[in-house]
Amino acid sequence: MHVSRSAAWAAGSVTRTVLTEIIDGARRAAAEEARKKLIPGDLLSAIDRNVELEVGAKWYDHSPTFHGLAGVLYDAEGVSVPSRQRSRSRKPSAVVGAHRFEAGVRKLLWSQGVTAVPAMVRDLDGIASVFLTDLARDAAMVVREGGVKRFGTVTLVTSCEPATPPLPKDSFRAPPARRGDRRTIGRDDILAATTIQLFDGNLRQRALTQAREATQNTSAD
């Protein structure tokens, strides 16, 4: 498929917003130990405190940071399933190309006033790469299907927060069908994919808002 310029800018903006939020959560965890250099444990703490940050999950199978967190997997007959091994396939993938985000990751770290050990940079690279790949995949699905097929929504709240009032019935209706051809991914397709990839919470709203602002003056070509 073709990708419009505004779609590329929107995808970049959403990914930056997500990574910035992850780094901010890790920075807060490190600050509790009076550190300015992030370690993989800070990443785990950030995700543990805010489930909205649990994105790019396919990367978890490739990173030592996340090994063992999901526990032992069993098949239908109760036999344990060995963890997935790293593939040596030459086929391009988000994992193979993860290192391409290193410069951007380091820039985001500096903007937050922190640095990170190589293992932490590697994890942030991988999460960004996988998240962006998933975002593109879902945007392509939106284009092929002519819109997002949605029948409900999930909102995250903590046990100490009051229950969210029920949404109007109209909120559960599928959004209007997308406009445009079935060969080009546009900005709105990326925004729709963002609603698929991120929980209905503050991070999603911030990502959508910043992506719209980033593409206000961008050509659709």
N, C-alpha and C. Protein backbone atom coordinates (compact mmCIF):
# COMPACT_ATOMS: atom_id res chain seq x y z
N MET A 1 0.82 -1.20 0.00
CA MET A 1 0.00 0.00 0.00
C MET A 1 0.86 1.26 0.00
N HIS A 2 0.30 2.34 -0.51
CA HIS A 2 0.96 3.63 -0.43
C HIS A 2 0.72 4.22 0.96
N VAL A 3 1.64 5.03 1.43
CA VAL A 3 1.51 5.71 2.72
C VAL A 3 1.62 7.20 2.48
N SER A 4 0.60 7.94 2.86
CA SER A 4 0.63 9.39 2.67
C SER A 4 1.62 10.03 3.63
N ARG A 5 2.05 11.24 3.28
CA ARG A 5 2.99 11.95 4.14
C ARG A 5 2.37 12.23 5.51
N SER A 6 1.10 12.60 5.53
CA SER A 6 0.45 12.89 6.81
C SER A 6 0.34 11.63 7.67
N ALA A 7 0.17 10.47 7.03
CA ALA A 7 0.11 9.22 7.78
C ALA A 7 1.45 8.91 8.42
N ALA A 8 2.53 9.13 7.68
CA ALA A 8 3.87 8.88 8.22
C ALA A 8 4.15 9.79 9.41
N TRP A 9 3.77 11.07 9.28
CA TRP A 9 3.98 12.02 10.38
C TRP A 9 3.13 11.62 11.59
N ALA A 10 1.90 11.19 11.36
CA ALA A 10 1.02 10.79 12.46
C ALA A 10 1.56 9.57 13.17
N ALA A 11 2.03 8.58 12.40
CA ALA A 11 2.58 7.37 13.01
C ALA A 11 3.81 7.68 13.85
N GLY A 12 4.66 8.57 13.32
CA GLY A 12 5.84 8.97 14.08
C GLY A 12 5.47 9.69 15.36
N SER A 13 4.46 10.55 15.28
CA SER A 13 4.03 11.30 16.45
C SER A 13 3.46 10.38 17.52
N VAL A 14 2.62 9.43 17.12
CA VAL A 14 2.03 8.50 18.08
C VAL A 14 3.11 7.68 18.76
N THR A 15 4.06 7.20 17.98
CA THR A 15 5.14 6.39 18.55
C THR A 15 5.98 7.20 19.52
N ARG A 16 6.29 8.45 19.18
CA ARG A 16 7.05 9.31 20.10
C ARG A 16 6.29 9.54 21.40
N THR A 17 4.98 9.76 21.29
CA THR A 17 4.17 10.00 22.48
C THR A 17 4.19 8.79 23.40
N VAL A 18 4.06 7.61 22.83
CA VAL A 18 4.07 6.38 23.62
C VAL A 18 5.42 6.18 24.29
N LEU A 19 6.50 6.36 23.52
CA LEU A 19 7.84 6.18 24.09
C LEU A 19 8.13 7.20 25.18
N THR A 20 7.71 8.44 24.96
CA THR A 20 7.92 9.49 25.96
C THR A 20 7.23 9.13 27.27
N GLU A 21 6.03 8.57 27.16
CA GLU A 21 5.28 8.18 28.36
C GLU A 21 5.99 7.03 29.08
N ILE A 22 6.51 6.08 28.32
CA ILE A 22 7.23 4.96 28.92
C ILE A 22 8.48 5.46 29.63
N ILE A 23 9.23 6.33 28.97
CA ILE A 23 10.45 6.87 29.56
C ILE A 23 10.13 7.68 30.81
N ASP A 24 9.05 8.44 30.77
CA ASP A 24 8.67 9.23 31.94
C ASP A 24 8.35 8.32 33.13
N GLY A 25 7.63 7.22 32.86
CA GLY A 25 7.33 6.28 33.94
C GLY A 25 8.59 5.64 34.50
N ALA A 26 9.52 5.28 33.60
CA ALA A 26 10.78 4.68 34.05
C ALA A 26 11.62 5.71 34.81
N ARG A 27 11.59 6.96 34.37
CA ARG A 27 12.33 8.03 35.05
C ARG A 27 11.84 8.21 36.47
N ARG A 28 10.53 8.14 36.65
CA ARG A 28 9.97 8.28 38.00
C ARG A 28 10.42 7.13 38.90
N ALA A 29 10.46 5.92 38.33
CA ALA A 29 10.91 4.77 39.11
C ALA A 29 12.38 4.93 39.51
N ALA A 30 13.20 5.40 38.57
CA ALA A 30 14.62 5.60 38.86
C ALA A 30 14.82 6.71 39.89
N ALA A 31 13.99 7.76 39.81
CA ALA A 31 14.13 8.88 40.74
C ALA A 31 13.91 8.46 42.18
N GLU A 32 13.10 7.44 42.39
CA GLU A 32 12.86 6.95 43.75
C GLU A 32 14.12 6.35 44.35
N GLU A 33 15.07 5.97 43.49
CA GLU A 33 16.35 5.43 43.95
C GLU A 33 17.48 6.43 43.69
N ALA A 34 17.09 7.67 43.42
CA ALA A 34 18.06 8.76 43.20
C ALA A 34 19.01 8.44 42.04
N ARG A 35 18.45 7.88 40.97
CA ARG A 35 19.25 7.58 39.79
C ARG A 35 18.74 8.38 38.60
N LYS A 36 19.66 8.74 37.70
CA LYS A 36 19.29 9.39 36.45
C LYS A 36 19.62 8.52 35.24
N LYS A 37 20.19 7.35 35.50
CA LYS A 37 20.45 6.40 34.42
C LYS A 37 19.45 5.26 34.55
N LEU A 38 18.65 5.05 33.52
CA LEU A 38 17.59 4.06 33.57
C LEU A 38 18.14 2.66 33.32
N ILE A 39 17.55 1.70 34.00
CA ILE A 39 17.90 0.30 33.84
C ILE A 39 16.63 -0.46 33.47
N PRO A 40 16.75 -1.69 32.95
CA PRO A 40 15.54 -2.45 32.55
C PRO A 40 14.51 -2.59 33.66
N GLY A 41 14.98 -2.65 34.91
CA GLY A 41 14.02 -2.76 36.02
C GLY A 41 13.09 -1.56 36.10
N ASP A 42 13.56 -0.40 35.69
CA ASP A 42 12.71 0.79 35.69
C ASP A 42 11.61 0.67 34.64
N LEU A 43 11.93 0.02 33.53
CA LEU A 43 10.93 -0.21 32.49
C LEU A 43 9.82 -1.12 33.02
N LEU A 44 10.22 -2.19 33.71
CA LEU A 44 9.23 -3.10 34.29
C LEU A 44 8.37 -2.39 35.32
N SER A 45 8.99 -1.53 36.12
CA SER A 45 8.23 -0.78 37.13
C SER A 45 7.22 0.15 36.48
N ALA A 46 7.63 0.81 35.39
CA ALA A 46 6.73 1.73 34.70
C ALA A 46 5.51 1.00 34.15
N ILE A 47 5.74 -0.14 33.53
CA ILE A 47 4.63 -0.92 32.96
C ILE A 47 3.75 -1.47 34.06
N ASP A 48 4.36 -1.90 35.17
CA ASP A 48 3.59 -2.46 36.28
C ASP A 48 2.67 -1.42 36.90
N ARG A 49 3.10 -0.16 36.91
CA ARG A 49 2.31 0.90 37.52
C ARG A 49 1.25 1.46 36.58
N ASN A 50 1.46 1.29 35.30
CA ASN A 50 0.52 1.86 34.32
C ASN A 50 0.35 0.89 33.17
N VAL A 51 -0.76 0.15 33.17
CA VAL A 51 -0.98 -0.88 32.16
C VAL A 51 -1.11 -0.29 30.76
N GLU A 52 -1.39 1.01 30.65
CA GLU A 52 -1.45 1.65 29.35
C GLU A 52 -0.12 1.58 28.61
N LEU A 53 0.97 1.41 29.36
CA LEU A 53 2.29 1.39 28.75
C LEU A 53 2.66 0.02 28.21
N GLU A 54 1.83 -0.97 28.38
CA GLU A 54 2.15 -2.32 27.93
C GLU A 54 1.86 -2.43 26.43
N VAL A 55 2.78 -1.94 25.64
CA VAL A 55 2.62 -1.94 24.18
C VAL A 55 3.82 -2.65 23.55
N GLY A 56 3.71 -2.94 22.26
CA GLY A 56 4.80 -3.62 21.58
C GLY A 56 5.10 -4.97 22.19
N ALA A 57 4.05 -5.70 22.58
CA ALA A 57 4.22 -6.93 23.37
C ALA A 57 5.02 -8.01 22.64
N LYS A 58 5.04 -8.00 21.32
CA LYS A 58 5.80 -9.03 20.60
C LYS A 58 7.28 -8.94 20.91
N TRP A 59 7.73 -7.77 21.33
CA TRP A 59 9.14 -7.61 21.67
C TRP A 59 9.50 -8.40 22.92
N TYR A 60 8.53 -8.64 23.79
CA TYR A 60 8.81 -9.28 25.07
C TYR A 60 9.44 -10.66 24.90
N ASP A 61 9.08 -11.36 23.83
CA ASP A 61 9.64 -12.70 23.59
C ASP A 61 11.12 -12.64 23.22
N HIS A 62 11.60 -11.48 22.80
CA HIS A 62 12.97 -11.35 22.32
C HIS A 62 13.91 -10.69 23.33
N SER A 63 13.37 -10.18 24.42
CA SER A 63 14.17 -9.42 25.37
C SER A 63 14.36 -10.17 26.68
N PRO A 64 15.59 -10.30 27.16
CA PRO A 64 15.83 -10.92 28.47
C PRO A 64 15.12 -10.20 29.60
N THR A 65 14.84 -8.93 29.42
CA THR A 65 14.17 -8.15 30.47
C THR A 65 12.82 -8.75 30.83
N PHE A 66 12.13 -9.29 29.83
CA PHE A 66 10.76 -9.76 30.05
C PHE A 66 10.66 -11.28 30.20
N HIS A 67 11.77 -12.00 30.10
CA HIS A 67 11.72 -13.45 30.21
C HIS A 67 11.20 -13.89 31.58
N GLY A 68 10.28 -14.82 31.57
CA GLY A 68 9.76 -15.38 32.81
C GLY A 68 8.59 -14.63 33.40
N LEU A 69 8.27 -13.46 32.88
CA LEU A 69 7.18 -12.68 33.47
C LEU A 69 5.82 -13.31 33.21
N ALA A 70 5.68 -13.99 32.07
CA ALA A 70 4.38 -14.59 31.73
C ALA A 70 4.20 -15.96 32.36
N GLY A 71 5.24 -16.48 33.04
CA GLY A 71 5.13 -17.80 33.64
C GLY A 71 5.29 -18.91 32.61
N VAL A 72 5.07 -20.13 33.05
CA VAL A 72 5.21 -21.29 32.17
C VAL A 72 3.94 -21.46 31.36
N LEU A 73 4.09 -21.67 30.05
CA LEU A 73 2.96 -21.89 29.17
C LEU A 73 2.74 -23.39 28.98
N TYR A 74 1.47 -23.80 28.90
CA TYR A 74 1.13 -25.21 28.71
C TYR A 74 0.22 -25.35 27.50
N ASP A 75 0.35 -26.50 26.81
CA ASP A 75 -0.54 -26.75 25.69
C ASP A 75 -1.82 -27.41 26.19
N ALA A 76 -2.69 -27.82 25.25
CA ALA A 76 -4.00 -28.37 25.62
C ALA A 76 -3.88 -29.65 26.44
N GLU A 77 -2.76 -30.38 26.34
CA GLU A 77 -2.58 -31.63 27.07
C GLU A 77 -1.77 -31.44 28.35
N GLY A 78 -1.51 -30.19 28.71
CA GLY A 78 -0.81 -29.92 29.95
C GLY A 78 0.70 -30.03 29.88
N VAL A 79 1.25 -30.11 28.67
CA VAL A 79 2.68 -30.20 28.50
C VAL A 79 3.26 -28.78 28.37
N SER A 80 4.33 -28.50 29.10
CA SER A 80 4.91 -27.16 29.05
C SER A 80 5.45 -26.85 27.66
N VAL A 81 5.25 -25.60 27.25
CA VAL A 81 5.69 -25.15 25.94
C VAL A 81 6.97 -24.34 26.12
N PRO A 82 8.06 -24.74 25.45
CA PRO A 82 9.33 -23.98 25.60
C PRO A 82 9.17 -22.57 25.07
N SER A 83 9.94 -21.64 25.64
CA SER A 83 9.88 -20.25 25.19
C SER A 83 10.36 -20.15 23.76
N ARG A 84 9.84 -19.16 23.05
CA ARG A 84 10.19 -18.97 21.65
C ARG A 84 11.65 -18.56 21.51
N GLN A 85 12.33 -19.18 20.58
CA GLN A 85 13.73 -18.84 20.32
C GLN A 85 13.81 -17.71 19.31
N ARG A 86 14.89 -16.96 19.36
CA ARG A 86 15.07 -15.88 18.40
C ARG A 86 15.23 -16.45 17.00
N SER A 87 14.53 -15.87 16.09
CA SER A 87 14.59 -16.34 14.71
C SER A 87 15.79 -15.73 13.98
N ARG A 88 16.41 -16.55 13.13
CA ARG A 88 17.52 -16.05 12.33
C ARG A 88 17.10 -15.83 10.88
N SER A 89 15.79 -15.75 10.69
CA SER A 89 15.28 -15.54 9.34
C SER A 89 15.78 -14.22 8.78
N ARG A 90 16.04 -14.21 7.48
CA ARG A 90 16.48 -12.98 6.83
C ARG A 90 15.30 -12.10 6.44
N LYS A 91 14.10 -12.59 6.68
CA LYS A 91 12.92 -11.80 6.35
C LYS A 91 12.86 -10.56 7.25
N PRO A 92 12.72 -9.37 6.68
CA PRO A 92 12.67 -8.15 7.50
C PRO A 92 11.54 -8.21 8.52
N SER A 93 11.79 -7.72 9.70
CA SER A 93 10.76 -7.69 10.74
C SER A 93 11.03 -6.53 11.67
N ALA A 94 10.07 -6.27 12.55
CA ALA A 94 10.22 -5.17 13.50
C ALA A 94 11.40 -5.42 14.43
N VAL A 95 11.62 -6.69 14.78
CA VAL A 95 12.69 -7.01 15.70
C VAL A 95 14.05 -6.81 15.04
N VAL A 96 14.18 -7.27 13.80
CA VAL A 96 15.44 -7.12 13.08
C VAL A 96 15.80 -5.65 12.92
N GLY A 97 14.82 -4.80 12.68
CA GLY A 97 15.09 -3.39 12.42
C GLY A 97 15.01 -2.50 13.64
N ALA A 98 14.96 -3.11 14.84
CA ALA A 98 14.75 -2.31 16.04
C ALA A 98 15.85 -1.28 16.27
N HIS A 99 17.09 -1.62 15.91
CA HIS A 99 18.20 -0.72 16.20
C HIS A 99 18.10 0.61 15.46
N ARG A 100 17.24 0.67 14.47
CA ARG A 100 17.12 1.91 13.69
C ARG A 100 16.52 3.05 14.51
N PHE A 101 15.95 2.75 15.64
CA PHE A 101 15.31 3.78 16.46
C PHE A 101 16.23 4.30 17.55
N GLU A 102 17.48 3.84 17.60
CA GLU A 102 18.35 4.19 18.71
C GLU A 102 18.57 5.69 18.84
N ALA A 103 18.83 6.37 17.74
CA ALA A 103 19.09 7.82 17.81
C ALA A 103 17.88 8.56 18.36
N GLY A 104 16.68 8.20 17.90
CA GLY A 104 15.47 8.84 18.39
C GLY A 104 15.22 8.55 19.86
N VAL A 105 15.50 7.30 20.27
CA VAL A 105 15.32 6.93 21.68
C VAL A 105 16.25 7.74 22.56
N ARG A 106 17.51 7.86 22.16
CA ARG A 106 18.47 8.62 22.97
C ARG A 106 18.06 10.10 23.05
N LYS A 107 17.50 10.62 21.98
CA LYS A 107 17.05 12.01 21.99
C LYS A 107 15.90 12.19 22.97
N LEU A 108 14.98 11.24 23.01
CA LEU A 108 13.87 11.31 23.96
C LEU A 108 14.38 11.18 25.39
N LEU A 109 15.35 10.32 25.61
CA LEU A 109 15.93 10.19 26.95
C LEU A 109 16.54 11.51 27.41
N TRP A 110 17.32 12.15 26.53
CA TRP A 110 17.94 13.43 26.88
C TRP A 110 16.89 14.49 27.17
N SER A 111 15.78 14.45 26.42
CA SER A 111 14.72 15.44 26.65
C SER A 111 14.08 15.29 28.02
N GLN A 112 14.17 14.07 28.59
CA GLN A 112 13.64 13.82 29.93
C GLN A 112 14.71 14.00 31.01
N GLY A 113 15.93 14.38 30.59
CA GLY A 113 17.00 14.61 31.55
C GLY A 113 17.62 13.34 32.10
N VAL A 114 17.53 12.24 31.35
CA VAL A 114 18.09 10.97 31.82
C VAL A 114 18.88 10.30 30.70
N THR A 115 19.63 9.29 31.08
CA THR A 115 20.29 8.40 30.12
C THR A 115 19.86 6.98 30.47
N ALA A 116 20.35 6.00 29.71
CA ALA A 116 19.95 4.62 29.96
C ALA A 116 21.09 3.68 29.63
N VAL A 117 21.13 2.57 30.34
CA VAL A 117 22.12 1.54 30.05
C VAL A 117 21.78 0.92 28.69
N PRO A 118 22.75 0.30 28.01
CA PRO A 118 22.49 -0.26 26.67
C PRO A 118 21.30 -1.21 26.62
N ALA A 119 21.11 -2.02 27.66
CA ALA A 119 20.00 -2.97 27.65
C ALA A 119 18.65 -2.25 27.64
N MET A 120 18.59 -1.13 28.36
CA MET A 120 17.35 -0.35 28.40
C MET A 120 17.10 0.31 27.05
N VAL A 121 18.15 0.85 26.42
CA VAL A 121 18.01 1.45 25.09
C VAL A 121 17.52 0.39 24.11
N ARG A 122 18.09 -0.82 24.22
CA ARG A 122 17.68 -1.91 23.34
C ARG A 122 16.19 -2.21 23.49
N ASP A 123 15.71 -2.25 24.73
CA ASP A 123 14.29 -2.55 24.95
C ASP A 123 13.40 -1.44 24.40
N LEU A 124 13.79 -0.20 24.60
CA LEU A 124 13.00 0.91 24.07
C LEU A 124 13.00 0.89 22.54
N ASP A 125 14.16 0.56 21.95
CA ASP A 125 14.23 0.40 20.49
C ASP A 125 13.24 -0.65 20.02
N GLY A 126 13.30 -1.81 20.68
CA GLY A 126 12.45 -2.92 20.26
C GLY A 126 10.97 -2.63 20.42
N ILE A 127 10.60 -2.03 21.54
CA ILE A 127 9.19 -1.70 21.77
C ILE A 127 8.70 -0.71 20.71
N ALA A 128 9.52 0.30 20.42
CA ALA A 128 9.14 1.28 19.40
C ALA A 128 8.96 0.63 18.04
N SER A 129 9.88 -0.23 17.68
CA SER A 129 9.82 -0.87 16.37
C SER A 129 8.59 -1.77 16.23
N VAL A 130 8.34 -2.58 17.25
CA VAL A 130 7.19 -3.48 17.20
C VAL A 130 5.88 -2.70 17.23
N PHE A 131 5.82 -1.67 18.09
CA PHE A 131 4.60 -0.87 18.17
C PHE A 131 4.29 -0.21 16.83
N LEU A 132 5.30 0.37 16.20
CA LEU A 132 5.09 1.04 14.92
C LEU A 132 4.66 0.04 13.84
N THR A 133 5.24 -1.14 13.87
CA THR A 133 4.86 -2.18 12.91
C THR A 133 3.40 -2.60 13.12
N ASP A 134 3.00 -2.78 14.38
CA ASP A 134 1.61 -3.14 14.68
C ASP A 134 0.66 -2.01 14.27
N LEU A 135 1.10 -0.78 14.48
CA LEU A 135 0.28 0.37 14.11
C LEU A 135 0.04 0.38 12.60
N ALA A 136 1.10 0.15 11.83
CA ALA A 136 0.98 0.11 10.37
C ALA A 136 0.09 -1.04 9.92
N ARG A 137 0.24 -2.18 10.57
CA ARG A 137 -0.59 -3.34 10.22
C ARG A 137 -2.07 -3.05 10.44
N ASP A 138 -2.40 -2.44 11.58
CA ASP A 138 -3.79 -2.14 11.87
C ASP A 138 -4.33 -1.04 10.95
N ALA A 139 -3.48 -0.09 10.59
CA ALA A 139 -3.91 0.95 9.65
C ALA A 139 -4.23 0.34 8.30
N ALA A 140 -3.42 -0.62 7.86
CA ALA A 140 -3.69 -1.30 6.59
C ALA A 140 -5.00 -2.08 6.67
N MET A 141 -5.28 -2.67 7.83
CA MET A 141 -6.54 -3.39 8.02
C MET A 141 -7.72 -2.43 7.92
N VAL A 142 -7.58 -1.25 8.51
CA VAL A 142 -8.64 -0.24 8.44
C VAL A 142 -8.93 0.12 6.99
N VAL A 143 -7.86 0.27 6.20
CA VAL A 143 -8.03 0.62 4.79
C VAL A 143 -8.75 -0.50 4.05
N ARG A 144 -8.30 -1.74 4.27
CA ARG A 144 -8.90 -2.88 3.56
C ARG A 144 -10.36 -3.08 3.92
N GLU A 145 -10.70 -2.90 5.22
CA GLU A 145 -12.06 -3.17 5.68
C GLU A 145 -12.96 -1.95 5.59
N GLY A 146 -12.39 -0.81 5.22
CA GLY A 146 -13.21 0.39 5.07
C GLY A 146 -13.59 1.06 6.36
N GLY A 147 -12.87 0.79 7.44
CA GLY A 147 -13.16 1.42 8.73
C GLY A 147 -12.86 0.47 9.87
N VAL A 148 -13.07 0.93 11.09
CA VAL A 148 -12.84 0.12 12.28
C VAL A 148 -14.13 -0.57 12.66
N LYS A 149 -14.06 -1.87 12.81
CA LYS A 149 -15.23 -2.65 13.24
C LYS A 149 -15.21 -2.72 14.76
N ARG A 150 -15.98 -1.84 15.41
CA ARG A 150 -15.95 -1.77 16.86
C ARG A 150 -17.37 -1.88 17.40
N PHE A 151 -17.53 -2.68 18.49
CA PHE A 151 -18.85 -2.86 19.07
C PHE A 151 -18.89 -2.49 20.54
N GLY A 152 -17.79 -1.99 21.07
CA GLY A 152 -17.77 -1.61 22.48
C GLY A 152 -16.47 -0.92 22.80
N THR A 153 -16.25 -0.64 24.07
CA THR A 153 -15.02 0.02 24.49
C THR A 153 -14.68 -0.43 25.90
N VAL A 154 -13.40 -0.31 26.25
CA VAL A 154 -12.92 -0.66 27.58
C VAL A 154 -12.21 0.55 28.15
N THR A 155 -12.58 0.92 29.37
CA THR A 155 -11.95 2.04 30.05
C THR A 155 -11.26 1.53 31.31
N LEU A 156 -10.01 1.94 31.52
CA LEU A 156 -9.24 1.49 32.67
C LEU A 156 -9.49 2.39 33.86
N VAL A 157 -9.78 1.78 35.02
CA VAL A 157 -9.90 2.52 36.28
C VAL A 157 -9.27 1.67 37.37
N THR A 158 -8.83 2.31 38.44
CA THR A 158 -8.28 1.58 39.57
C THR A 158 -9.38 1.28 40.57
N SER A 159 -9.09 0.38 41.50
CA SER A 159 -10.11 -0.04 42.45
C SER A 159 -10.59 1.08 43.35
N CYS A 160 -9.74 2.11 43.53
CA CYS A 160 -10.12 3.20 44.43
C CYS A 160 -10.90 4.31 43.72
N GLU A 161 -11.03 4.21 42.41
CA GLU A 161 -11.74 5.23 41.66
C GLU A 161 -13.21 4.89 41.55
N PRO A 162 -14.08 5.90 41.48
CA PRO A 162 -15.51 5.62 41.31
C PRO A 162 -15.77 5.03 39.94
N ALA A 163 -16.82 4.25 39.86
CA ALA A 163 -17.16 3.60 38.59
C ALA A 163 -17.51 4.65 37.55
N THR A 164 -17.09 4.39 36.33
CA THR A 164 -17.39 5.31 35.24
C THR A 164 -18.85 5.18 34.84
N PRO A 165 -19.57 6.28 34.68
CA PRO A 165 -20.98 6.18 34.29
C PRO A 165 -21.12 5.51 32.94
N PRO A 166 -22.19 4.77 32.72
CA PRO A 166 -22.37 4.08 31.45
C PRO A 166 -22.43 5.05 30.29
N LEU A 167 -21.87 4.63 29.16
CA LEU A 167 -21.88 5.47 27.97
C LEU A 167 -23.21 5.36 27.25
N PRO A 168 -23.59 6.39 26.51
CA PRO A 168 -24.81 6.31 25.72
C PRO A 168 -24.73 5.16 24.72
N LYS A 169 -25.88 4.62 24.36
CA LYS A 169 -25.89 3.50 23.42
C LYS A 169 -25.23 3.87 22.10
N ASP A 170 -25.32 5.13 21.72
CA ASP A 170 -24.73 5.54 20.45
C ASP A 170 -23.21 5.38 20.46
N SER A 171 -22.61 5.31 21.66
CA SER A 171 -21.16 5.21 21.74
C SER A 171 -20.66 3.86 21.24
N PHE A 172 -21.54 2.86 21.21
CA PHE A 172 -21.12 1.53 20.83
C PHE A 172 -21.37 1.24 19.36
N ARG A 173 -21.88 2.19 18.65
CA ARG A 173 -22.09 1.99 17.23
C ARG A 173 -20.77 2.13 16.48
N ALA A 174 -20.63 1.38 15.42
CA ALA A 174 -19.41 1.46 14.62
C ALA A 174 -19.26 2.87 14.06
N PRO A 175 -18.04 3.39 13.99
CA PRO A 175 -17.81 4.72 13.44
C PRO A 175 -18.12 4.75 11.96
N PRO A 176 -18.29 5.92 11.38
CA PRO A 176 -18.59 6.00 9.96
C PRO A 176 -17.51 5.35 9.13
N ALA A 177 -17.88 4.82 7.99
CA ALA A 177 -16.92 4.19 7.10
C ALA A 177 -15.89 5.22 6.64
N ARG A 178 -14.68 4.76 6.45
CA ARG A 178 -13.60 5.66 6.03
C ARG A 178 -13.83 6.13 4.60
N ARG A 179 -13.22 7.26 4.30
CA ARG A 179 -13.27 7.79 2.95
C ARG A 179 -11.90 7.61 2.29
N GLY A 180 -11.90 7.61 0.98
CA GLY A 180 -10.65 7.47 0.26
C GLY A 180 -10.54 6.11 -0.40
N ASP A 181 -9.44 5.92 -1.14
CA ASP A 181 -9.27 4.66 -1.87
C ASP A 181 -8.78 3.55 -0.95
N ARG A 182 -8.69 2.34 -1.50
CA ARG A 182 -8.27 1.18 -0.73
C ARG A 182 -6.79 0.86 -0.97
N ARG A 183 -6.03 1.84 -1.41
CA ARG A 183 -4.61 1.59 -1.69
C ARG A 183 -3.69 2.50 -0.90
N THR A 184 -4.24 3.54 -0.27
CA THR A 184 -3.40 4.53 0.41
C THR A 184 -3.77 4.64 1.89
N ILE A 185 -2.78 4.51 2.75
CA ILE A 185 -2.98 4.72 4.19
C ILE A 185 -2.87 6.21 4.47
N GLY A 186 -3.93 6.77 5.03
CA GLY A 186 -3.95 8.20 5.34
C GLY A 186 -3.81 8.46 6.82
N ARG A 187 -3.80 9.74 7.16
CA ARG A 187 -3.65 10.11 8.57
C ARG A 187 -4.76 9.53 9.43
N ASP A 188 -6.00 9.61 8.96
CA ASP A 188 -7.12 9.12 9.76
C ASP A 188 -7.05 7.62 9.97
N ASP A 189 -6.43 6.90 9.04
CA ASP A 189 -6.26 5.45 9.21
C ASP A 189 -5.27 5.17 10.34
N ILE A 190 -4.23 5.99 10.46
CA ILE A 190 -3.29 5.85 11.57
C ILE A 190 -3.97 6.17 12.89
N LEU A 191 -4.80 7.20 12.90
CA LEU A 191 -5.52 7.56 14.12
C LEU A 191 -6.47 6.44 14.53
N ALA A 192 -7.12 5.83 13.55
CA ALA A 192 -8.01 4.71 13.85
C ALA A 192 -7.21 3.53 14.40
N ALA A 193 -6.04 3.27 13.82
CA ALA A 193 -5.20 2.19 14.29
C ALA A 193 -4.71 2.46 15.72
N THR A 194 -4.51 3.72 16.04
CA THR A 194 -4.09 4.10 17.40
C THR A 194 -5.14 3.70 18.42
N THR A 195 -6.41 3.86 18.06
CA THR A 195 -7.48 3.47 18.99
C THR A 195 -7.53 1.96 19.18
N ILE A 196 -7.01 1.22 18.22
CA ILE A 196 -6.95 -0.24 18.35
C ILE A 196 -5.77 -0.64 19.23
N GLN A 197 -4.63 0.02 19.05
CA GLN A 197 -3.41 -0.35 19.74
C GLN A 197 -3.38 0.10 21.20
N LEU A 198 -4.02 1.22 21.53
CA LEU A 198 -3.92 1.78 22.87
C LEU A 198 -5.25 1.68 23.61
N PHE A 199 -5.17 1.45 24.91
CA PHE A 199 -6.37 1.42 25.75
C PHE A 199 -7.06 2.78 25.72
N ASP A 200 -8.34 2.77 26.07
CA ASP A 200 -9.11 4.01 26.12
C ASP A 200 -8.76 4.74 27.42
N GLY A 201 -7.69 5.51 27.37
CA GLY A 201 -7.23 6.22 28.56
C GLY A 201 -6.49 7.49 28.19
N ASN A 202 -5.75 8.03 29.16
CA ASN A 202 -5.05 9.30 28.94
C ASN A 202 -4.00 9.21 27.84
N LEU A 203 -3.27 8.09 27.79
CA LEU A 203 -2.22 7.95 26.80
C LEU A 203 -2.80 7.98 25.39
N ARG A 204 -3.90 7.29 25.19
CA ARG A 204 -4.52 7.28 23.85
C ARG A 204 -4.96 8.67 23.45
N GLN A 205 -5.62 9.37 24.37
CA GLN A 205 -6.11 10.71 24.04
C GLN A 205 -4.96 11.66 23.74
N ARG A 206 -3.89 11.55 24.51
CA ARG A 206 -2.73 12.41 24.28
C ARG A 206 -2.08 12.08 22.94
N ALA A 207 -1.97 10.81 22.62
CA ALA A 207 -1.36 10.40 21.35
C ALA A 207 -2.17 10.90 20.17
N LEU A 208 -3.50 10.79 20.26
CA LEU A 208 -4.36 11.26 19.17
C LEU A 208 -4.27 12.77 19.00
N THR A 209 -4.30 13.48 20.13
CA THR A 209 -4.24 14.94 20.07
C THR A 209 -2.93 15.42 19.46
N GLN A 210 -1.82 14.85 19.90
CA GLN A 210 -0.52 15.29 19.40
C GLN A 210 -0.32 14.90 17.95
N ALA A 211 -0.88 13.77 17.54
CA ALA A 211 -0.77 13.38 16.13
C ALA A 211 -1.55 14.33 15.24
N ARG A 212 -2.72 14.74 15.70
CA ARG A 212 -3.51 15.71 14.90
C ARG A 212 -2.78 17.03 14.80
N GLU A 213 -2.20 17.48 15.91
CA GLU A 213 -1.46 18.75 15.89
C GLU A 213 -0.23 18.66 14.99
N ALA A 214 0.43 17.51 14.99
CA ALA A 214 1.65 17.34 14.21
C ALA A 214 1.38 17.31 12.71
N THR A 215 0.13 17.01 12.34
CA THR A 215 -0.19 16.87 10.90
C THR A 215 -1.09 17.97 10.38
N GLN A 216 -1.29 19.01 11.17
CA GLN A 216 -2.18 20.09 10.73
C GLN A 216 -1.70 20.75 9.45
N ASN A 217 -0.40 20.94 9.32
CA ASN A 217 0.13 21.64 8.16
C ASN A 217 0.90 20.70 7.22
N THR A 218 0.56 19.41 7.29
CA THR A 218 1.26 18.43 6.47
C THR A 218 0.42 18.06 5.26
N SER A 219 1.05 18.00 4.12
CA SER A 219 0.35 17.59 2.90
C SER A 219 -0.11 16.16 3.02
N ALA A 220 -1.23 15.84 2.43
CA ALA A 220 -1.77 14.48 2.46
C ALA A 220 -1.07 13.59 1.46
N ASP A 221 -0.20 14.13 0.61
CA ASP A 221 0.48 13.33 -0.42
C ASP A 221 1.51 12.39 0.20
